Amino acid sequence: MRRSLTREQYDALIQATLLYDSRDGKKNGDTVNARRARAYLKLLRWSGLRAGDAACLSKDKLRDDDSLFLYRKKEGKASSAVYGLLPHDVAEELRSVPSNACTNPTYFFWSGRSKRKSEV
């Protein structure tokens, strides 16, 4: 059973990213890890993607019109194209998500080396 976060829970998670990785005492949420966590949470909320699909999302899936291009597989039939529109500010934040030392340049968050299950 899928459970959704309440608006208060989502807001609390976003607020937590402002404190994330702030070892220097600054609480501005501008560290690489804080920005990555915030972009990931916003992607989950606004795209409806599963955690694994969001974690392994390739950059070529985000279009210039702020839509995500995905495939949905139908049982016993060919796949059909599915597009989901992101709010512009979320798409921009995703485009500017900083890489870390392990991120493959093809993906927003994933190294491309681990199994999807491990990434989640």
Protein backbone atom coordinates (compact mmCIF):
# COMPACT_ATOMS: atom_id res chain seq x y z
CA MET A 1 0.00 0.00 0.00
CA ARG A 2 1.37 3.40 -1.00
CA ARG A 3 1.26 6.10 1.61
CA SER A 4 1.52 9.77 0.90
CA LEU A 5 3.09 12.39 3.08
CA THR A 6 0.91 15.08 4.51
CA ARG A 7 1.72 18.66 3.52
CA GLU A 8 3.16 19.20 7.02
CA GLN A 9 5.43 16.15 6.72
CA TYR A 10 6.65 17.24 3.29
CA ASP A 11 7.33 20.79 4.53
CA ALA A 12 9.24 19.37 7.52
CA LEU A 13 11.43 17.30 5.20
CA ILE A 14 12.19 20.31 3.01
CA GLN A 15 13.02 22.35 6.15
CA ALA A 16 15.35 19.55 7.29
CA THR A 17 17.36 19.93 4.07
CA LEU A 18 18.21 23.46 5.18
CA LEU A 19 20.00 21.96 8.19
CA TYR A 20 21.43 18.94 6.38
CA ASP A 21 25.20 18.69 6.31
CA SER A 22 25.67 22.08 8.00
CA ARG A 23 28.72 21.20 10.07
CA ASP A 24 29.93 24.79 9.96
CA GLY A 25 26.82 25.98 11.80
CA LYS A 26 25.42 27.77 8.76
CA LYS A 27 21.85 26.74 8.15
CA ASN A 28 21.29 28.01 4.64
CA GLY A 29 20.80 24.65 2.92
CA ASP A 30 23.35 25.47 0.24
CA THR A 31 25.65 22.46 0.64
CA VAL A 32 25.87 19.95 -2.19
CA ASN A 33 24.16 17.25 -0.14
CA ALA A 34 21.39 19.58 1.03
CA ARG A 35 20.64 20.72 -2.51
CA ARG A 36 20.65 17.15 -3.81
CA ALA A 37 18.31 15.95 -1.05
CA ARG A 38 15.93 18.86 -1.63
CA ALA A 39 15.83 18.30 -5.40
CA TYR A 40 15.20 14.57 -4.87
CA LEU A 41 12.31 15.23 -2.47
CA LYS A 42 10.73 17.74 -4.83
CA LEU A 43 11.11 15.34 -7.75
CA LEU A 44 9.33 12.63 -5.76
CA ARG A 45 6.50 14.94 -4.76
CA TRP A 46 5.80 16.57 -8.11
CA SER A 47 6.53 13.68 -10.50
CA GLY A 48 4.83 10.83 -8.67
CA LEU A 49 7.80 8.62 -9.48
CA ARG A 50 8.72 5.72 -7.24
CA ALA A 51 11.84 6.25 -5.13
CA GLY A 52 13.96 3.95 -7.31
CA ASP A 53 12.81 5.54 -10.54
CA ALA A 54 13.57 9.02 -9.19
CA ALA A 55 16.98 7.97 -7.82
CA CYS A 56 18.00 6.48 -11.18
CA LEU A 57 16.43 9.14 -13.41
CA SER A 58 18.61 10.02 -16.38
CA LYS A 59 19.05 13.65 -17.36
CA ASP A 60 17.77 13.08 -20.89
CA LYS A 61 14.28 12.38 -19.49
CA LEU A 62 13.81 16.04 -18.51
CA ARG A 63 12.68 18.04 -21.55
CA ASP A 64 13.09 21.75 -22.24
CA ASP A 65 9.35 22.27 -21.62
CA ASP A 66 9.81 20.97 -18.02
CA SER A 67 8.15 17.64 -18.76
CA LEU A 68 9.52 14.23 -17.89
CA PHE A 69 9.49 11.71 -20.72
CA LEU A 70 8.86 8.21 -19.43
CA TYR A 71 7.66 4.87 -20.68
CA ARG A 72 4.88 2.87 -19.12
CA LYS A 73 4.86 -0.80 -19.97
CA LYS A 74 1.50 -2.39 -20.62
CA GLU A 75 0.93 -6.05 -19.90
CA GLY A 76 1.24 -8.03 -23.13
CA LYS A 77 1.36 -4.90 -25.29
CA ALA A 78 3.90 -2.43 -26.56
CA SER A 79 5.05 0.39 -24.32
CA SER A 80 3.40 3.77 -24.63
CA ALA A 81 4.97 7.16 -24.04
CA VAL A 82 4.02 9.00 -20.86
CA TYR A 83 4.85 12.63 -20.14
CA GLY A 84 4.55 14.34 -16.77
CA LEU A 85 4.84 18.10 -16.37
CA LEU A 86 6.91 19.44 -13.47
CA PRO A 87 6.49 22.92 -12.00
CA HIS A 88 9.07 25.19 -13.63
CA ASP A 89 10.94 25.92 -10.38
CA VAL A 90 11.22 22.20 -9.62
CA ALA A 91 12.51 21.46 -13.13
CA GLU A 92 15.07 24.27 -12.80
CA GLU A 93 16.21 22.98 -9.42
CA LEU A 94 16.59 19.52 -10.91
CA ARG A 95 18.61 20.90 -13.83
CA SER A 96 20.96 22.64 -11.40
CA VAL A 97 21.31 19.77 -8.93
CA PRO A 98 25.02 19.48 -8.18
CA SER A 99 26.87 16.26 -8.83
CA ASN A 100 28.91 14.64 -6.15
CA ALA A 101 32.05 12.54 -6.53
CA CYS A 102 30.03 9.39 -7.27
CA THR A 103 27.40 10.76 -9.66
CA ASN A 104 27.47 9.61 -13.25
CA PRO A 105 27.09 12.65 -15.53
CA THR A 106 24.22 10.90 -17.34
CA TYR A 107 22.04 10.82 -14.19
CA PHE A 108 20.79 13.36 -11.69
CA PHE A 109 21.53 11.28 -8.57
CA TRP A 110 22.84 7.82 -9.51
CA SER A 111 26.39 6.56 -10.02
CA GLY A 112 25.20 4.09 -12.65
CA ARG A 113 27.32 1.38 -11.05
CA SER A 114 25.16 0.10 -8.23
CA LYS A 115 21.99 -1.93 -8.55
CA ARG A 116 18.79 0.10 -8.50
CA LYS A 117 17.73 -1.66 -5.31
CA SER A 118 20.94 -0.55 -3.60
CA GLU A 119 20.47 3.03 -4.78
CA VAL A 120 17.05 3.27 -3.15
